[in-house]
């Protein structure tokens, strides 16, 4: 397979792998707010003046959510994801002035590492508002760094590059709080790495426009207003904040990247020292490493450091990995290729289950979104303006931080034309009981009836459970309802049926399967136990085929 075919195929593979879960990811959190903002200048100006300086991310998210159907903005977001990984992988080849700077092997390794080590995959890369703030912004930075590195390396700089450098620098500077100044500092460092006079004029242009972008971002009146909500943090001395940040928050932030550290170490230890690496290449990789450190360090000024805030620093670290992997691949020596091979084996060991579980989780939450929307639609049809719906419930994920954002925005109700939409936790993945035939087993104890029984799991058979659907939420007046579950080896699991979860007028008891073989359940006895007289007063046996 030739270079062109391999390159196109690798790009399509990554885009498709991202698009699949993107199409399944529900609207959530602040998506409703930014969808309602649309392209309104007045709303965005108010937002800038009263809440946030993130002009570019705000317009990206509001444009996608208000102008495009779900399949279109999912595709756009997947494209941005792919471009980010592409630019990170291109950077070392551009630094070396290679004729073909794109290496599919490096590109795929960066993608896999971005996936497995991402500090908050669902929030930074699949939630649309989160993606606009943490994926698109890093894409703009990566594009800017690729352009800046390219023009800095030109033999004869051309004036035609000034608009591209200016626009990309401005967008990169408008990224987010902890990466905007770092982008300016990277540009300044290029003045010392590259010596040609004409090229320095282009670099200065990039610095100037990225500085303007950073000023737009950081000097927003909304930032100051929002800071007032965190007076407790800002009342601390700089010394106290520094101690808290560098000795408590930084270790937690940095530890989430352990897979990337390990891959870099493997490549450095197994790979050979080769002569293809010039001083500029080394200097850029060192600058990017310090950019990673500084991006996390400046979070000292932030009142909180949720995992997603670490995505900017993470992308700088991936750029360091890209330089390391590219040099190994470029040398084409046996030990270097061995290092690449070991890195892939390790990364795929984590990527494969992570990807499968993530897609399964997005599929489940997509079904849950359908259930939620159905409840809202029924309420509207009946003229009800205040409705309660179940919160999303995630199946198993390799990392809990892979979940998307569960913040409940009050703008959800406005978006749906309701006065209020309330959330309640139901305690299980209810996608397993909707649009599912179940076992078709039923039986009654007077007025208390089992309607159906469903099999469920946290994904791919992990942590299996049964869900017993009943016709009523009433409890046994003089005692309790119970279920005894037997497998073919006559092992028994006892469960009390109290306080069912109610969803759309249906009542469910989720029962976690422990101590019995869930694949070989033969009988489920449902009964009523009289606590006063300590005896079973009613019982029905449901035999599983």
Protein backbone atom coordinates (compact mmCIF):
# COMPACT_ATOMS: atom_id res chain seq x y z
CA UNK A 1 0.00 0.00 0.00
CA UNK A 2 1.52 3.33 -1.10
CA UNK A 3 2.07 6.41 1.07
CA UNK A 4 -0.94 8.37 -0.25
CA UNK A 5 -3.37 5.49 0.24
CA UNK A 6 -2.06 4.76 3.74
CA UNK A 7 -2.32 8.41 4.72
CA UNK A 8 -5.90 8.81 3.49
CA UNK A 9 -6.94 5.52 5.08
CA UNK A 10 -5.48 6.46 8.47
CA UNK A 11 -7.30 9.81 8.40
CA UNK A 12 -10.59 8.12 7.50
CA UNK A 13 -10.16 5.50 10.22
CA UNK A 14 -9.65 8.12 12.92
CA UNK A 15 -12.48 10.34 11.66
CA UNK A 16 -14.86 7.36 11.58
CA UNK A 17 -13.83 6.16 15.04
CA UNK A 18 -14.61 9.62 16.41
CA UNK A 19 -17.83 10.09 14.42
CA UNK A 20 -19.50 6.90 15.69
CA UNK A 21 -19.75 7.95 19.37
CA UNK A 22 -20.23 11.61 18.34
CA UNK A 23 -23.47 10.74 16.57
CA UNK A 24 -24.68 8.98 19.71
CA UNK A 25 -23.73 11.64 22.27
CA UNK A 26 -26.84 13.44 23.60
CA UNK A 27 -27.29 17.18 24.07
CA UNK A 28 -26.42 18.05 27.64
CA UNK A 29 -25.47 20.67 30.17
CA UNK A 30 -24.76 24.11 28.62
CA UNK A 31 -25.57 22.92 25.09
CA UNK A 32 -29.07 24.30 25.62
CA UNK A 33 -27.80 27.71 26.72
CA UNK A 34 -25.47 28.15 23.75
CA UNK A 35 -28.02 26.81 21.30
CA UNK A 36 -30.39 29.55 22.48
CA UNK A 37 -27.65 32.17 22.17
CA UNK A 38 -27.20 31.40 18.49
CA UNK A 39 -25.32 34.16 16.65
CA UNK A 40 -27.02 36.99 18.53
CA UNK A 41 -24.51 39.81 18.95
CA UNK A 42 -26.37 41.16 21.97
CA UNK A 43 -26.37 37.84 23.80
CA UNK A 44 -22.70 37.20 23.11
CA UNK A 45 -21.78 40.74 24.18
CA UNK A 46 -23.69 40.29 27.45
CA UNK A 47 -21.93 36.97 27.97
CA UNK A 48 -18.53 38.58 27.36
CA UNK A 49 -19.25 41.48 29.68
CA UNK A 50 -20.78 39.42 32.48
CA UNK A 51 -19.40 35.88 32.42
CA UNK A 52 -16.53 34.80 30.15
CA UNK A 53 -13.94 36.11 27.72
CA UNK A 54 -14.05 32.97 25.59
CA UNK A 55 -15.45 34.72 22.52
CA UNK A 56 -14.18 32.24 19.94
CA UNK A 57 -15.27 29.03 21.74
CA UNK A 58 -18.66 30.61 22.52
CA UNK A 59 -19.30 31.40 18.88
CA UNK A 60 -18.07 27.96 17.78
CA UNK A 61 -20.48 26.12 20.08
CA UNK A 62 -23.46 28.42 19.55
CA UNK A 63 -22.99 28.32 15.76
CA UNK A 64 -22.86 24.53 15.61
CA UNK A 65 -25.79 23.99 17.94
CA UNK A 66 -28.08 26.62 16.42
CA UNK A 67 -27.28 26.31 12.71
CA UNK A 68 -26.81 22.58 12.14
CA UNK A 69 -28.70 19.35 12.79
CA UNK A 70 -27.08 16.84 15.11
CA UNK A 71 -25.45 14.72 12.40
CA UNK A 72 -23.82 17.82 10.90
CA UNK A 73 -22.36 19.27 14.10
CA UNK A 74 -21.25 15.78 15.16
CA UNK A 75 -19.38 15.50 11.85
CA UNK A 76 -17.88 18.99 12.25
CA UNK A 77 -16.72 18.19 15.76
CA UNK A 78 -15.22 14.88 14.58
CA UNK A 79 -13.40 16.79 11.85
CA UNK A 80 -11.98 19.25 14.39
CA UNK A 81 -10.87 16.29 16.54
CA UNK A 82 -9.11 14.74 13.53
CA UNK A 83 -7.46 18.04 12.53
CA UNK A 84 -6.12 18.52 16.07
CA UNK A 85 -4.48 15.08 16.05
CA UNK A 86 -3.25 15.68 12.48
CA UNK A 87 -1.57 18.99 13.34
CA UNK A 88 0.10 17.58 16.46
CA UNK A 89 1.50 14.72 14.37
CA UNK A 90 2.62 17.06 11.54
CA UNK A 91 4.56 19.45 13.77
CA UNK A 92 7.86 17.49 13.99
CA UNK A 93 7.91 16.80 10.24
CA UNK A 94 7.39 20.49 9.56
CA UNK A 95 10.20 21.33 11.99
CA UNK A 96 12.52 18.98 10.06
CA UNK A 97 11.29 20.41 6.72
CA UNK A 98 10.42 16.93 5.48
CA UNK A 99 8.84 16.74 2.05
CA UNK A 100 6.19 14.39 3.48
CA UNK A 101 5.76 15.47 7.12
CA UNK A 102 2.69 13.30 7.68
CA UNK A 103 3.47 9.87 9.12
CA UNK A 104 0.40 7.64 9.62
CA UNK A 105 2.22 5.64 12.30
CA UNK A 106 2.82 8.78 14.40
CA UNK A 107 -0.67 10.14 13.67
CA UNK A 108 -2.40 6.97 14.87
CA UNK A 109 -0.21 6.76 17.98
CA UNK A 110 -1.09 10.35 18.92
CA UNK A 111 -4.79 9.60 18.43
CA UNK A 112 -4.69 6.49 20.61
CA UNK A 113 -2.76 8.30 23.35
CA UNK A 114 -5.12 11.29 23.20
CA UNK A 115 -7.98 8.89 23.75
CA UNK A 116 -6.62 6.77 26.59
CA UNK A 117 -4.92 9.54 28.60
CA UNK A 118 -7.37 12.39 28.05
CA UNK A 119 -8.17 14.01 31.40
CA UNK A 120 -11.91 14.21 30.60
CA UNK A 121 -12.63 12.62 27.23
CA UNK A 122 -16.41 13.05 27.17
CA UNK A 123 -16.34 16.66 28.35
CA UNK A 124 -13.39 17.89 26.27
CA UNK A 125 -14.07 16.13 22.99
CA UNK A 126 -17.70 14.97 22.61
CA UNK A 127 -19.81 17.42 24.60
CA UNK A 128 -20.23 20.23 22.05
CA UNK A 129 -19.77 23.19 24.41
CA UNK A 130 -16.87 21.40 26.09
CA UNK A 131 -15.33 20.58 22.70
CA UNK A 132 -15.57 24.22 21.63
CA UNK A 133 -13.70 25.24 24.79
CA UNK A 134 -11.12 22.46 25.02
CA UNK A 135 -10.82 20.71 21.65
CA UNK A 136 -11.44 23.43 19.07
CA UNK A 137 -9.24 25.89 20.95
CA UNK A 138 -6.38 23.40 21.02
CA UNK A 139 -6.96 22.76 17.33
CA UNK A 140 -6.52 26.51 16.64
CA UNK A 141 -3.30 26.48 18.69
CA UNK A 142 -2.02 23.40 16.84
CA UNK A 143 -2.80 24.96 13.44
CA UNK A 144 -1.03 28.16 14.49
CA UNK A 145 2.06 26.28 15.71
CA UNK A 146 2.24 24.30 12.45
CA UNK A 147 2.03 27.51 10.39
CA UNK A 148 4.46 29.37 12.65
CA UNK A 149 6.99 26.53 12.52
CA UNK A 150 6.64 26.28 8.74
CA UNK A 151 7.13 29.97 7.96
CA UNK A 152 9.93 30.26 10.54
CA UNK A 153 11.77 27.54 8.65
CA UNK A 154 11.35 29.02 5.15
CA UNK A 155 14.42 30.03 3.18
CA UNK A 156 12.60 33.02 1.73
CA UNK A 157 9.57 34.22 3.66
CA UNK A 158 6.71 35.48 1.49
CA UNK A 159 4.27 38.24 2.39
CA UNK A 160 1.36 35.95 1.52
CA UNK A 161 1.87 34.19 4.87
CA UNK A 162 1.09 37.27 6.98
CA UNK A 163 -2.75 36.93 6.87
CA UNK A 164 -2.58 33.22 7.77
CA UNK A 165 -0.20 33.85 10.66
CA UNK A 166 -2.24 36.80 11.90
CA UNK A 167 -5.62 35.02 11.81
CA UNK A 168 -4.33 31.74 13.26
CA UNK A 169 -2.41 33.65 15.96
CA UNK A 170 -5.49 35.62 16.93
CA UNK A 171 -7.62 32.47 17.18
CA UNK A 172 -4.91 30.65 19.16
CA UNK A 173 -4.60 33.60 21.57
CA UNK A 174 -8.38 33.53 22.14
CA UNK A 175 -8.19 29.88 23.21
CA UNK A 176 -8.70 29.64 26.97
CA UNK A 177 -7.21 31.13 30.09
CA UNK A 178 -4.25 28.84 30.72
CA UNK A 179 -3.12 28.32 27.10
CA UNK A 180 -3.47 31.83 25.65
CA UNK A 181 -0.38 33.30 27.34
CA UNK A 182 1.54 30.07 26.77
CA UNK A 183 0.90 30.44 23.04
CA UNK A 184 2.37 33.95 23.16
CA UNK A 185 5.44 32.64 25.01
CA UNK A 186 5.98 29.91 22.41
CA UNK A 187 6.02 32.60 19.71
CA UNK A 188 8.58 34.60 21.67
CA UNK A 189 10.79 31.52 22.03
CA UNK A 190 10.76 31.13 18.23
CA UNK A 191 12.56 34.48 17.95
CA UNK A 192 15.56 32.82 19.59
CA UNK A 193 15.29 29.52 17.71
CA UNK A 194 15.05 30.96 14.18
CA UNK A 195 17.51 33.60 13.00
CA UNK A 196 16.41 34.82 9.56
CA UNK A 197 15.29 38.44 9.52
CA UNK A 198 12.27 38.03 7.23
CA UNK A 199 11.08 35.05 9.21
CA UNK A 200 11.35 37.03 12.44
CA UNK A 201 8.90 39.58 11.04
CA UNK A 202 6.38 36.77 10.55
CA UNK A 203 7.08 35.43 14.04
CA UNK A 204 6.55 38.91 15.52
CA UNK A 205 3.26 39.14 13.62
CA UNK A 206 2.18 35.85 15.18
CA UNK A 207 3.25 37.05 18.64
CA UNK A 208 1.39 40.34 18.23
CA UNK A 209 -1.88 38.80 17.10
CA UNK A 210 -1.76 35.97 19.65
CA UNK A 211 -1.15 38.63 22.32
CA UNK A 212 -4.21 40.56 21.09
CA UNK A 213 -6.24 37.33 21.29
CA UNK A 214 -4.96 36.67 24.81
CA UNK A 215 -5.89 40.20 25.83
CA UNK A 216 -9.41 39.77 24.44
CA UNK A 217 -9.70 36.57 26.44
CA UNK A 218 -8.12 37.59 29.73
CA UNK A 219 -9.26 41.22 30.01
CA UNK A 220 -12.95 40.42 29.63
CA UNK A 221 -15.06 42.24 32.27
CA UNK A 222 -16.99 38.98 32.62
CA UNK A 223 -13.91 37.26 34.05
CA UNK A 224 -13.78 39.77 36.88
CA UNK A 225 -17.49 39.42 37.59
CA UNK A 226 -17.27 35.64 37.62
CA UNK A 227 -14.25 35.81 39.94
CA UNK A 228 -16.46 37.45 42.56
CA UNK A 229 -18.28 34.14 42.93
CA UNK A 230 -15.03 32.58 44.19
CA UNK A 231 -14.08 35.18 46.78
CA UNK A 232 -12.95 32.50 49.24
CA UNK A 233 -10.20 31.35 46.85
CA UNK A 234 -9.12 34.82 45.79
CA UNK A 235 -9.01 36.00 49.41
CA UNK A 236 -6.07 33.64 49.97
CA UNK A 237 -2.55 34.97 49.64
CA UNK A 238 -0.54 34.18 46.52
CA UNK A 239 1.70 31.98 48.67
CA UNK A 240 -1.26 29.94 49.98
CA UNK A 241 -2.66 29.50 46.49
CA UNK A 242 0.74 28.43 45.20
CA UNK A 243 1.18 25.85 47.96
CA UNK A 244 -2.30 24.43 47.31
CA UNK A 245 -1.82 24.37 43.57
CA UNK A 246 1.69 22.95 43.26
CA UNK A 247 1.49 20.47 46.12
CA UNK A 248 -2.12 19.33 45.88
CA UNK A 249 -3.63 20.13 42.50
CA UNK A 250 -0.64 19.73 40.15
CA UNK A 251 0.15 16.14 41.24
CA UNK A 252 -3.46 15.16 40.60
CA UNK A 253 -3.56 16.94 37.25
CA UNK A 254 -0.25 15.60 36.01
CA UNK A 255 -0.85 12.01 37.16
CA UNK A 256 -3.71 11.58 34.70
CA UNK A 257 -1.18 11.49 31.82
CA UNK A 258 0.79 8.51 33.08
CA UNK A 259 0.22 6.49 29.88
CA UNK A 260 1.81 9.24 27.77
CA UNK A 261 4.77 9.54 30.14
CA UNK A 262 5.31 5.81 29.88
CA UNK A 263 5.15 5.81 26.06
CA UNK A 264 7.67 8.69 25.89
CA UNK A 265 10.00 6.88 28.30
CA UNK A 266 9.78 3.65 26.28
CA UNK A 267 10.58 5.49 23.06
CA UNK A 268 13.53 7.30 24.67
CA UNK A 269 14.93 4.15 26.29
CA UNK A 270 14.45 1.73 23.42
CA UNK A 271 15.06 4.21 20.62
CA UNK A 272 18.58 5.00 19.47
CA UNK A 273 20.33 8.33 19.33
CA UNK A 274 20.32 9.33 15.67
CA UNK A 275 21.75 12.18 13.68
CA UNK A 276 18.56 13.29 11.94
CA UNK A 277 17.58 15.51 14.86
CA UNK A 278 18.86 19.07 14.40
CA UNK A 279 19.20 21.72 17.08
CA UNK A 280 16.02 23.54 16.06
CA UNK A 281 14.02 20.32 16.31
CA UNK A 282 15.34 19.71 19.80
CA UNK A 283 14.72 23.31 20.81
CA UNK A 284 11.06 23.24 19.68
CA UNK A 285 10.42 19.99 21.55
CA UNK A 286 11.96 21.49 24.71
CA UNK A 287 9.81 24.62 24.32
CA UNK A 288 6.69 22.45 24.01
CA UNK A 289 7.65 20.53 27.14
CA UNK A 290 7.92 23.79 29.08
CA UNK A 291 4.62 24.90 27.52
CA UNK A 292 3.07 21.78 29.07
CA UNK A 293 4.49 22.68 32.49
CA UNK A 294 3.53 26.36 32.29
CA UNK A 295 -0.03 25.60 31.08
CA UNK A 296 -0.64 23.60 34.24
CA UNK A 297 1.26 26.05 36.45
CA UNK A 298 -0.82 29.11 35.50
CA UNK A 299 -3.93 27.30 36.68
CA UNK A 300 -2.71 28.45 40.08
CA UNK A 301 -4.78 31.58 39.42
CA UNK A 302 -7.96 29.58 38.80
CA UNK A 303 -10.34 28.88 41.69
CA UNK A 304 -10.83 25.30 40.53
CA UNK A 305 -9.14 22.77 38.27
CA UNK A 306 -11.71 20.32 36.91
CA UNK A 307 -10.06 17.58 34.83
CA UNK A 308 -11.18 19.18 31.54
CA UNK A 309 -9.14 22.32 32.31
CA UNK A 310 -6.04 20.15 31.88
CA UNK A 311 -6.67 19.45 28.19
CA UNK A 312 -4.51 22.33 26.95
CA UNK A 313 -1.45 21.17 28.86
CA UNK A 314 -2.20 17.63 27.72
CA UNK A 315 -2.05 18.65 24.05
CA UNK A 316 1.35 20.26 24.59
CA UNK A 317 2.55 16.99 26.15
CA UNK A 318 1.22 15.08 23.13
CA UNK A 319 3.28 17.38 20.94
CA UNK A 320 6.37 16.31 22.89
CA UNK A 321 5.35 12.69 22.30
CA UNK A 322 4.92 13.46 18.60
CA UNK A 323 8.51 14.75 18.36
CA UNK A 324 9.80 11.68 20.20
CA UNK A 325 7.84 9.20 18.08
CA UNK A 326 8.66 10.98 14.82
CA UNK A 327 12.40 10.85 15.46
CA UNK A 328 12.18 7.12 16.22
CA UNK A 329 10.19 6.43 13.07
CA UNK A 330 12.41 8.68 10.96
CA UNK A 331 15.60 6.85 11.88
CA UNK A 332 14.14 3.55 10.67
CA UNK A 333 16.59 1.61 12.84
CA UNK A 334 15.54 -1.67 14.40
CA UNK A 335 15.54 -0.55 18.01
CA UNK A 336 13.56 2.58 17.14
CA UNK A 337 10.90 0.56 15.32
CA UNK A 338 10.85 -1.78 18.31
CA UNK A 339 10.12 1.22 20.53
CA UNK A 340 7.23 2.26 18.27
CA UNK A 341 5.93 -1.32 18.34
CA UNK A 342 6.03 -1.51 22.14
CA UNK A 343 4.31 1.86 22.39
CA UNK A 344 1.52 0.62 20.13
CA UNK A 345 1.04 -2.64 22.03
CA UNK A 346 0.77 -0.79 25.33
CA UNK A 347 -1.52 1.93 23.97
CA UNK A 348 -3.88 -0.44 22.16
CA UNK A 349 -4.13 -2.57 25.30
CA UNK A 350 -5.90 0.39 26.92
CA UNK A 351 -7.51 1.90 23.83
CA UNK A 352 -9.49 -1.16 22.73
CA UNK A 353 -11.58 -1.65 25.89
CA UNK A 354 -11.79 2.10 26.43
CA UNK A 355 -13.22 2.69 22.96
CA UNK A 356 -15.69 -0.19 23.11
CA UNK A 357 -16.97 0.83 26.56
CA UNK A 358 -17.24 4.47 25.51
CA UNK A 359 -19.28 3.68 22.40
CA UNK A 360 -21.51 1.39 24.47
CA UNK A 361 -22.00 4.17 27.03
CA UNK A 362 -22.91 6.71 24.34
CA UNK A 363 -25.33 4.20 22.81
CA UNK A 364 -26.99 3.69 26.19
CA UNK A 365 -27.23 7.42 26.90
CA UNK A 366 -28.61 7.96 23.40
CA UNK A 367 -31.49 5.60 24.24
CA UNK A 368 -31.89 7.35 27.58
CA UNK A 369 -32.13 10.68 25.73
CA UNK A 370 -34.96 9.23 23.63
CA UNK A 371 -36.79 8.22 26.83
CA UNK A 372 -36.28 11.67 28.36
CA UNK A 373 -37.47 13.42 25.21
CA UNK A 374 -40.54 11.18 25.09
CA UNK A 375 -41.48 12.18 28.65
CA UNK A 376 -41.09 15.85 27.75
CA UNK A 377 -43.14 15.44 24.56
CA UNK A 378 -45.99 13.74 26.44
CA UNK A 379 -45.99 16.52 29.02
CA UNK A 380 -46.23 19.14 26.27
CA UNK A 381 -49.12 17.30 24.61
CA UNK A 382 -50.98 17.33 27.92
CA UNK A 383 -50.25 21.01 28.58
CA UNK A 384 -47.88 20.25 31.48
CA UNK A 385 -45.10 22.82 31.88
CA UNK A 386 -43.25 21.33 34.85
CA UNK A 387 -41.83 17.84 34.37
CA UNK A 388 -39.34 15.50 36.04
CA UNK A 389 -37.09 13.28 33.96
CA UNK A 390 -34.38 10.75 34.89
CA UNK A 391 -30.76 11.85 34.98
CA UNK A 392 -28.38 10.10 32.59
CA UNK A 393 -26.97 6.89 34.08
CA UNK A 394 -23.69 5.64 32.65
CA UNK A 395 -22.69 2.03 32.06
CA UNK A 396 -19.09 1.07 32.79
CA UNK A 397 -16.25 3.18 31.40
CA UNK A 398 -12.54 2.49 31.63
CA UNK A 399 -12.18 5.87 33.37
CA UNK A 400 -15.00 7.59 35.22
CA UNK A 401 -13.77 10.93 33.86
CA UNK A 402 -14.67 9.76 30.34
CA UNK A 403 -18.29 10.68 31.12
CA UNK A 404 -19.80 13.73 29.54
CA UNK A 405 -21.02 16.62 31.71
CA UNK A 406 -24.03 15.99 33.96
CA UNK A 407 -24.64 19.61 34.97
CA UNK A 408 -28.36 20.37 34.76
CA UNK A 409 -28.87 23.73 33.05
CA UNK A 410 -31.99 25.73 33.83
CA UNK A 411 -31.95 26.68 30.14
CA UNK A 412 -32.99 23.11 29.30
CA UNK A 413 -36.57 24.06 30.21
CA UNK A 414 -36.41 27.25 28.14
CA UNK A 415 -35.04 25.29 25.19
CA UNK A 416 -37.99 22.88 25.42
CA UNK A 417 -40.58 25.62 26.02
CA UNK A 418 -41.27 24.42 29.58
CA UNK A 419 -41.39 26.32 32.87
CA UNK A 420 -39.20 23.74 34.65
CA UNK A 421 -37.46 20.44 33.93
CA UNK A 422 -36.26 18.63 37.04
CA UNK A 423 -33.81 15.75 37.31
CA UNK A 424 -33.87 12.65 39.47
CA UNK A 425 -31.36 9.83 39.78
CA UNK A 426 -32.82 6.39 39.17
CA UNK A 427 -29.76 4.34 40.03
CA UNK A 428 -29.43 2.13 36.94
CA UNK A 429 -28.98 2.24 33.18
CA UNK A 430 -32.61 2.46 32.14
CA UNK A 431 -31.79 1.98 28.45
CA UNK A 432 -31.99 -1.77 29.26
CA UNK A 433 -35.74 -1.61 29.96
CA UNK A 434 -37.00 0.66 27.20
CA UNK A 435 -37.44 -0.60 23.62
CA UNK A 436 -36.63 -4.07 24.96
CA UNK A 437 -38.94 -7.10 25.06
CA UNK A 438 -37.43 -8.44 28.26
CA UNK A 439 -38.01 -12.02 29.40
CA UNK A 440 -41.79 -11.78 29.06
CA UNK A 441 -42.32 -13.19 32.57
CA UNK A 442 -45.15 -11.89 34.75
CA UNK A 443 -47.17 -12.83 37.82
CA UNK A 444 -49.28 -11.25 40.58
CA UNK A 445 -49.55 -11.17 44.36
CA UNK A 446 -53.08 -9.77 44.61
CA UNK A 447 -52.66 -6.14 43.52
CA UNK A 448 -48.87 -6.26 43.27
CA UNK A 449 -47.86 -7.62 39.86
CA UNK A 450 -44.59 -8.33 38.11
CA UNK A 451 -45.02 -6.89 34.59
CA UNK A 452 -41.72 -8.03 33.09
CA UNK A 453 -38.11 -8.89 33.89
CA UNK A 454 -35.08 -7.53 32.04
CA UNK A 455 -31.41 -8.45 31.85
CA UNK A 456 -28.91 -5.64 32.12
CA UNK A 457 -25.20 -5.06 32.61
CA UNK A 458 -22.70 -2.24 32.84
CA UNK A 459 -21.57 -3.12 29.34
CA UNK A 460 -20.37 -6.31 27.64
CA UNK A 461 -21.65 -8.44 30.52
CA UNK A 462 -19.77 -6.49 33.20
CA UNK A 463 -21.54 -6.21 36.58
CA UNK A 464 -24.79 -7.84 35.44
CA UNK A 465 -28.13 -7.01 37.01
CA UNK A 466 -31.82 -7.86 36.69
CA UNK A 467 -34.55 -5.27 36.50
CA UNK A 468 -37.99 -6.33 37.76
CA UNK A 469 -40.79 -4.13 36.45
CA UNK A 470 -43.94 -3.97 38.59
CA UNK A 471 -47.31 -2.30 38.23
CA UNK A 472 -47.23 -0.25 41.42
CA UNK A 473 -44.86 1.60 43.73
CA UNK A 474 -46.83 0.63 46.84
CA UNK A 475 -45.09 -1.33 49.58
CA UNK A 476 -46.55 -4.33 51.43
CA UNK A 477 -48.54 -2.85 54.32
CA UNK A 478 -47.47 -5.30 57.03
CA UNK A 479 -44.07 -6.25 55.66
CA UNK A 480 -41.92 -6.25 52.55
CA UNK A 481 -41.90 -7.61 49.04
CA UNK A 482 -38.88 -9.71 48.11
CA UNK A 483 -37.30 -11.66 45.27
CA UNK A 484 -35.34 -14.91 45.55
CA UNK A 485 -33.27 -15.63 42.44
CA UNK A 486 -31.92 -19.14 41.78
CA UNK A 487 -29.48 -20.35 39.16
CA UNK A 488 -29.21 -23.89 37.79
CA UNK A 489 -26.80 -24.88 40.57
CA UNK A 490 -29.44 -23.78 43.09
CA UNK A 491 -27.33 -20.85 44.28
CA UNK A 492 -29.59 -18.19 45.72
CA UNK A 493 -29.67 -14.39 45.74
CA UNK A 494 -32.09 -12.57 48.03
CA UNK A 495 -33.30 -9.06 47.27
CA UNK A 496 -35.77 -6.74 48.98
CA UNK A 497 -38.16 -4.88 46.67
CA UNK A 498 -38.52 -1.44 48.22
CA UNK A 499 -38.72 2.08 46.80
CA UNK A 500 -38.84 1.36 43.06
CA UNK A 501 -37.45 3.75 40.48
CA UNK A 502 -40.24 5.46 38.57
CA UNK A 503 -39.68 6.39 34.92
CA UNK A 504 -42.49 7.60 32.67
CA UNK A 505 -45.16 6.00 34.84
CA UNK A 506 -43.36 2.64 35.03
CA UNK A 507 -41.80 1.15 38.17
CA UNK A 508 -38.51 -0.76 38.30
CA UNK A 509 -36.41 -2.63 40.85
CA UNK A 510 -32.78 -3.02 39.69
CA UNK A 511 -31.04 -5.98 41.39
CA UNK A 512 -27.27 -6.39 41.14
CA UNK A 513 -26.35 -10.04 40.47
CA UNK A 514 -23.86 -11.39 43.00
CA UNK A 515 -23.08 -14.93 44.08
CA UNK A 516 -25.04 -16.66 41.30
CA UNK A 517 -24.47 -17.38 37.62
CA UNK A 518 -26.44 -14.68 35.83
CA UNK A 519 -26.33 -16.62 32.56
CA UNK A 520 -28.07 -19.62 34.12
CA UNK A 521 -30.88 -18.14 36.20
CA UNK A 522 -33.71 -20.68 36.30
CA UNK A 523 -36.27 -19.33 38.79
CA UNK A 524 -37.26 -16.01 40.30
CA UNK A 525 -39.61 -16.19 43.29
CA UNK A 526 -41.40 -12.94 44.09
CA UNK A 527 -43.27 -12.85 47.39
CA UNK A 528 -44.61 -10.87 50.33
CA UNK A 529 -43.10 -11.35 53.78
CA UNK A 530 -45.10 -10.48 56.92
CA UNK A 531 -42.61 -8.94 59.34
CA UNK A 532 -44.93 -9.13 62.35
CA UNK A 533 -45.63 -12.84 62.04
CA UNK A 534 -42.27 -13.60 60.38
CA UNK A 535 -43.63 -15.66 57.52
CA UNK A 536 -44.17 -15.59 53.77
CA UNK A 537 -47.84 -14.88 53.10
CA UNK A 538 -47.75 -14.85 49.29
CA UNK A 539 -45.34 -16.05 46.63
CA UNK A 540 -45.23 -16.59 42.89
CA UNK A 541 -42.55 -18.51 41.00
CA UNK A 542 -41.41 -17.23 37.62
CA UNK A 543 -39.52 -19.87 35.66
CA UNK A 544 -36.90 -18.66 33.18
CA UNK A 545 -36.69 -20.69 29.98
